[in-house]
Amino acid sequence: MSLIPSIFGGRRSNVYDPFSLDVWDPFEGFPFSSSLANAPSSARETSAFANTRIDWKETPEAHVFKADLPGIKKEEVKVEIEEGGVLQISGERSKEQEEKNDKWHRIERSSGKFMRRFRLPENAKVEEVKANMENGVLTVTVPKMEVKKPEIKAIDISG
């Protein structure tokens, strides 16, 4: 039993090997299988690109969303605020045109549509949202409402 997984060979099926690359799928072969291998190519493309990674951080002044969208022009991205304070970031990456003489060895970059939605907190100023795209990184800034500090009034103690 090997302690190092084989990354240069095929799959292994040793149940007792903690580094085995086989994963048992109890729904394998069912029509509603969770495996993407059985899905149509359009579903694989969409799901691969639907997982666009977006960071959301909160600063004292704003909520800041950053999405890596390499190779996408700002005209291909939509940033919208839906009713109820939902931020929606969507777009589409087109497939590269194939020439008849081209011979593809590997296709790993995903293409297709993507959409991510985030429910904004109540302190978000949805009327003042700003978006900026630079070097393939989309930055959406949602300012926060200022929290009024409660006014404290000192009371004199008589006696």
C-alpha atoms as a PDB file:
ATOM      1  CA  MET A   1       0.000   0.000   0.000  1.00  0.00           C
ATOM      2  CA  SER A   2       1.505   3.271  -1.113  1.00  0.00           C
ATOM      3  CA  LEU A   3       1.614   6.262   1.194  1.00  0.00           C
ATOM      4  CA  ILE A   4       1.999   8.672  -1.726  1.00  0.00           C
ATOM      5  CA  PRO A   5      -0.835   9.115  -4.223  1.00  0.00           C
ATOM      6  CA  SER A   6      -0.029   8.257  -7.797  1.00  0.00           C
ATOM      7  CA  ILE A   7      -0.326  11.480  -9.779  1.00  0.00           C
ATOM      8  CA  PHE A   8       1.390  10.072 -12.836  1.00  0.00           C
ATOM      9  CA  GLY A   9      -0.637   6.919 -13.245  1.00  0.00           C
ATOM     10  CA  GLY A  10      -4.269   6.014 -13.605  1.00  0.00           C
ATOM     11  CA  ARG A  11      -6.851   5.642 -10.899  1.00  0.00           C
ATOM     12  CA  ARG A  12      -6.508   3.260  -8.019  1.00  0.00           C
ATOM     13  CA  SER A  13      -9.229   1.249  -6.421  1.00  0.00           C
ATOM     14  CA  ASN A  14      -7.710   0.170  -3.121  1.00  0.00           C
ATOM     15  CA  VAL A  15     -10.426   0.762  -0.510  1.00  0.00           C
ATOM     16  CA  TYR A  16      -7.873   0.762   2.316  1.00  0.00           C
ATOM     17  CA  ASP A  17      -5.588   3.359   0.743  1.00  0.00           C
ATOM     18  CA  PRO A  18      -6.398   6.820   2.202  1.00  0.00           C
ATOM     19  CA  PHE A  19      -4.835   8.437  -0.877  1.00  0.00           C
ATOM     20  CA  SER A  20      -6.902   6.479  -3.369  1.00  0.00           C
ATOM     21  CA  LEU A  21      -8.283   8.639  -6.164  1.00  0.00           C
ATOM     22  CA  ASP A  22     -11.511   6.675  -6.457  1.00  0.00           C
ATOM     23  CA  VAL A  23     -14.564   8.269  -4.899  1.00  0.00           C
ATOM     24  CA  TRP A  24     -17.667   6.175  -4.465  1.00  0.00           C
ATOM     25  CA  ASP A  25     -20.808   7.866  -5.796  1.00  0.00           C
ATOM     26  CA  PRO A  26     -23.929   6.148  -4.412  1.00  0.00           C
ATOM     27  CA  PHE A  27     -26.051   7.781  -7.146  1.00  0.00           C
ATOM     28  CA  GLU A  28     -23.823   6.728 -10.032  1.00  0.00           C
ATOM     29  CA  GLY A  29     -25.946   5.573 -12.953  1.00  0.00           C
ATOM     30  CA  PHE A  30     -29.171   7.194 -11.757  1.00  0.00           C
ATOM     31  CA  PRO A  31     -30.850   9.638 -14.165  1.00  0.00           C
ATOM     32  CA  PHE A  32     -30.434  12.494 -11.663  1.00  0.00           C
ATOM     33  CA  SER A  33     -26.791  11.710 -10.950  1.00  0.00           C
ATOM     34  CA  SER A  34     -24.821  14.497  -9.305  1.00  0.00           C
ATOM     35  CA  SER A  35     -21.856  13.733 -11.510  1.00  0.00           C
ATOM     36  CA  LEU A  36     -21.053  16.342 -14.167  1.00  0.00           C
ATOM     37  CA  ALA A  37     -19.623  13.658 -16.410  1.00  0.00           C
ATOM     38  CA  ASN A  38     -23.161  12.547 -17.276  1.00  0.00           C
ATOM     39  CA  ALA A  39     -24.439  16.097 -17.809  1.00  0.00           C
ATOM     40  CA  PRO A  40     -24.787  17.641 -21.261  1.00  0.00           C
ATOM     41  CA  SER A  41     -21.876  19.797 -22.367  1.00  0.00           C
ATOM     42  CA  SER A  42     -23.880  23.017 -21.946  1.00  0.00           C
ATOM     43  CA  ALA A  43     -24.522  22.159 -18.274  1.00  0.00           C
ATOM     44  CA  ARG A  44     -20.842  21.380 -17.701  1.00  0.00           C
ATOM     45  CA  GLU A  45     -19.821  24.720 -19.222  1.00  0.00           C
ATOM     46  CA  THR A  46     -22.329  26.665 -17.177  1.00  0.00           C
ATOM     47  CA  SER A  47     -21.535  24.914 -13.921  1.00  0.00           C
ATOM     48  CA  ALA A  48     -17.799  25.288 -14.460  1.00  0.00           C
ATOM     49  CA  PHE A  49     -18.103  29.020 -14.930  1.00  0.00           C
ATOM     50  CA  ALA A  50     -20.962  29.477 -12.448  1.00  0.00           C
ATOM     51  CA  ASN A  51     -18.456  28.963  -9.677  1.00  0.00           C
ATOM     52  CA  THR A  52     -16.852  32.355 -10.308  1.00  0.00           C
ATOM     53  CA  ARG A  53     -14.984  33.142  -7.123  1.00  0.00           C
ATOM     54  CA  ILE A  54     -16.019  36.372  -5.413  1.00  0.00           C
ATOM     55  CA  ASP A  55     -14.575  37.823  -2.214  1.00  0.00           C
ATOM     56  CA  TRP A  56     -16.815  39.923   0.051  1.00  0.00           C
ATOM     57  CA  LYS A  57     -15.238  42.029   2.755  1.00  0.00           C
ATOM     58  CA  GLU A  58     -16.759  44.604   5.053  1.00  0.00           C
ATOM     59  CA  THR A  59     -14.857  47.748   5.956  1.00  0.00           C
ATOM     60  CA  PRO A  60     -16.088  50.459   8.335  1.00  0.00           C
ATOM     61  CA  GLU A  61     -17.275  52.463   5.299  1.00  0.00           C
ATOM     62  CA  ALA A  62     -18.507  49.862   2.779  1.00  0.00           C
ATOM     63  CA  HIS A  63     -19.074  46.299   1.628  1.00  0.00           C
ATOM     64  CA  VAL A  64     -16.511  45.454  -1.078  1.00  0.00           C
ATOM     65  CA  PHE A  65     -16.948  42.608  -3.572  1.00  0.00           C
ATOM     66  CA  LYS A  66     -14.038  41.472  -5.770  1.00  0.00           C
ATOM     67  CA  ALA A  67     -14.395  38.991  -8.619  1.00  0.00           C
ATOM     68  CA  ASP A  68     -11.622  37.602 -10.800  1.00  0.00           C
ATOM     69  CA  LEU A  69     -12.926  37.741 -14.375  1.00  0.00           C
ATOM     70  CA  PRO A  70      -9.853  37.331 -16.589  1.00  0.00           C
ATOM     71  CA  GLY A  71     -10.435  37.799 -20.291  1.00  0.00           C
ATOM     72  CA  ILE A  72     -13.862  39.369 -19.865  1.00  0.00           C
ATOM     73  CA  LYS A  73     -14.542  42.915 -21.016  1.00  0.00           C
ATOM     74  CA  LYS A  74     -16.542  45.243 -18.799  1.00  0.00           C
ATOM     75  CA  GLU A  75     -19.230  45.360 -21.511  1.00  0.00           C
ATOM     76  CA  GLU A  76     -19.783  41.608 -20.976  1.00  0.00           C
ATOM     77  CA  VAL A  77     -20.496  42.003 -17.230  1.00  0.00           C
ATOM     78  CA  LYS A  78     -23.687  43.256 -15.588  1.00  0.00           C
ATOM     79  CA  VAL A  79     -23.926  44.510 -12.010  1.00  0.00           C
ATOM     80  CA  GLU A  80     -27.489  44.990 -10.786  1.00  0.00           C
ATOM     81  CA  ILE A  81     -29.322  45.640  -7.540  1.00  0.00           C
ATOM     82  CA  GLU A  82     -32.631  43.805  -7.363  1.00  0.00           C
ATOM     83  CA  GLU A  83     -35.582  44.727  -5.206  1.00  0.00           C
ATOM     84  CA  GLY A  84     -35.017  43.615  -1.655  1.00  0.00           C
ATOM     85  CA  GLY A  85     -31.325  44.560  -1.627  1.00  0.00           C
ATOM     86  CA  VAL A  86     -29.901  41.702  -3.697  1.00  0.00           C
ATOM     87  CA  LEU A  87     -26.652  42.363  -5.571  1.00  0.00           C
ATOM     88  CA  GLN A  88     -26.430  40.372  -8.802  1.00  0.00           C
ATOM     89  CA  ILE A  89     -23.206  40.021 -10.797  1.00  0.00           C
ATOM     90  CA  SER A  90     -23.595  38.238 -14.138  1.00  0.00           C
ATOM     91  CA  GLY A  91     -21.979  37.929 -17.536  1.00  0.00           C
ATOM     92  CA  GLU A  92     -20.826  35.601 -20.246  1.00  0.00           C
ATOM     93  CA  ARG A  93     -17.466  34.437 -21.551  1.00  0.00           C
ATOM     94  CA  SER A  94     -17.641  33.473 -25.221  1.00  0.00           C
ATOM     95  CA  LYS A  95     -16.041  30.340 -26.583  1.00  0.00           C
ATOM     96  CA  GLU A  96     -12.918  30.869 -28.646  1.00  0.00           C
ATOM     97  CA  GLN A  97     -13.500  30.519 -32.381  1.00  0.00           C
ATOM     98  CA  GLU A  98     -12.208  27.230 -33.721  1.00  0.00           C
ATOM     99  CA  GLU A  99     -10.350  27.110 -37.017  1.00  0.00           C
ATOM    100  CA  LYS A 100     -10.626  23.986 -39.176  1.00  0.00           C
ATOM    101  CA  ASN A 101      -6.844  23.468 -39.134  1.00  0.00           C
ATOM    102  CA  ASP A 102      -6.529  23.799 -35.355  1.00  0.00           C
ATOM    103  CA  LYS A 103      -5.717  20.737 -33.279  1.00  0.00           C
ATOM    104  CA  TRP A 104      -6.651  21.154 -29.628  1.00  0.00           C
ATOM    105  CA  HIS A 105      -4.571  19.247 -27.065  1.00  0.00           C
ATOM    106  CA  ARG A 106      -6.333  20.483 -23.948  1.00  0.00           C
ATOM    107  CA  ILE A 107      -9.289  22.742 -23.130  1.00  0.00           C
ATOM    108  CA  GLU A 108      -9.360  23.799 -19.481  1.00  0.00           C
ATOM    109  CA  ARG A 109     -10.653  27.367 -19.568  1.00  0.00           C
ATOM    110  CA  SER A 110     -14.354  27.580 -18.983  1.00  0.00           C
ATOM    111  CA  SER A 111     -16.834  29.493 -21.066  1.00  0.00           C
ATOM    112  CA  GLY A 112     -20.492  30.265 -20.759  1.00  0.00           C
ATOM    113  CA  LYS A 113     -22.727  32.319 -18.524  1.00  0.00           C
ATOM    114  CA  PHE A 114     -22.224  33.039 -14.862  1.00  0.00           C
ATOM    115  CA  MET A 115     -24.357  34.660 -12.202  1.00  0.00           C
ATOM    116  CA  ARG A 116     -23.778  35.248  -8.506  1.00  0.00           C
ATOM    117  CA  ARG A 117     -26.260  36.826  -6.105  1.00  0.00           C
ATOM    118  CA  PHE A 118     -25.704  38.276  -2.634  1.00  0.00           C
ATOM    119  CA  ARG A 119     -28.326  39.556  -0.200  1.00  0.00           C
ATOM    120  CA  LEU A 120     -27.003  42.845   1.112  1.00  0.00           C
ATOM    121  CA  PRO A 121     -27.365  43.779   4.771  1.00  0.00           C
ATOM    122  CA  GLU A 122     -29.849  46.451   5.820  1.00  0.00           C
ATOM    123  CA  ASN A 123     -27.089  49.028   6.320  1.00  0.00           C
ATOM    124  CA  ALA A 124     -26.191  49.034   2.591  1.00  0.00           C
ATOM    125  CA  LYS A 125     -26.762  52.215   0.565  1.00  0.00           C
ATOM    126  CA  VAL A 126     -28.015  50.535  -2.595  1.00  0.00           C
ATOM    127  CA  GLU A 127     -28.474  53.897  -4.373  1.00  0.00           C
ATOM    128  CA  GLU A 128     -24.727  54.616  -4.215  1.00  0.00           C
ATOM    129  CA  VAL A 129     -23.217  51.352  -5.513  1.00  0.00           C
ATOM    130  CA  LYS A 130     -20.095  51.768  -7.669  1.00  0.00           C
ATOM    131  CA  ALA A 131     -18.393  49.188  -9.896  1.00  0.00           C
ATOM    132  CA  ASN A 132     -14.913  49.252 -11.433  1.00  0.00           C
ATOM    133  CA  MET A 133     -13.142  46.767 -13.708  1.00  0.00           C
ATOM    134  CA  GLU A 134      -9.355  46.807 -13.862  1.00  0.00           C
ATOM    135  CA  ASN A 135      -6.917  44.120 -15.035  1.00  0.00           C
ATOM    136  CA  GLY A 136      -9.620  41.445 -15.072  1.00  0.00           C
ATOM    137  CA  VAL A 137     -10.778  42.171 -11.514  1.00  0.00           C
ATOM    138  CA  LEU A 138     -14.283  43.523 -10.941  1.00  0.00           C
ATOM    139  CA  THR A 139     -14.626  45.588  -7.760  1.00  0.00           C
ATOM    140  CA  VAL A 140     -18.118  46.485  -6.549  1.00  0.00           C
ATOM    141  CA  THR A 141     -18.309  48.914  -3.635  1.00  0.00           C
ATOM    142  CA  VAL A 142     -21.543  49.237  -1.657  1.00  0.00           C
ATOM    143  CA  PRO A 143     -21.316  52.107   0.857  1.00  0.00           C
ATOM    144  CA  LYS A 144     -22.766  51.592   4.324  1.00  0.00           C
ATOM    145  CA  MET A 145     -25.160  53.907   6.144  1.00  0.00           C
ATOM    146  CA  GLU A 146     -23.579  55.754   9.011  1.00  0.00           C
ATOM    147  CA  VAL A 147     -24.646  54.374  12.322  1.00  0.00           C
ATOM    148  CA  LYS A 148     -25.758  57.171  14.593  1.00  0.00           C
ATOM    149  CA  LYS A 149     -24.183  56.848  17.974  1.00  0.00           C
ATOM    150  CA  PRO A 150     -26.757  57.227  20.690  1.00  0.00           C
ATOM    151  CA  GLU A 151     -26.614  60.624  22.308  1.00  0.00           C
ATOM    152  CA  ILE A 152     -25.633  60.332  25.931  1.00  0.00           C
ATOM    153  CA  LYS A 153     -26.942  62.970  28.290  1.00  0.00           C
ATOM    154  CA  ALA A 154     -25.375  63.288  31.694  1.00  0.00           C
ATOM    155  CA  ILE A 155     -27.825  63.585  34.590  1.00  0.00           C
ATOM    156  CA  ASP A 156     -26.851  65.516  37.689  1.00  0.00           C
ATOM    157  CA  ILE A 157     -27.354  63.632  40.902  1.00  0.00           C
ATOM    158  CA  SER A 158     -28.858  65.724  43.652  1.00  0.00           C
ATOM    159  CA  GLY A 159     -28.441  65.089  47.266  1.00  0.00           C
END
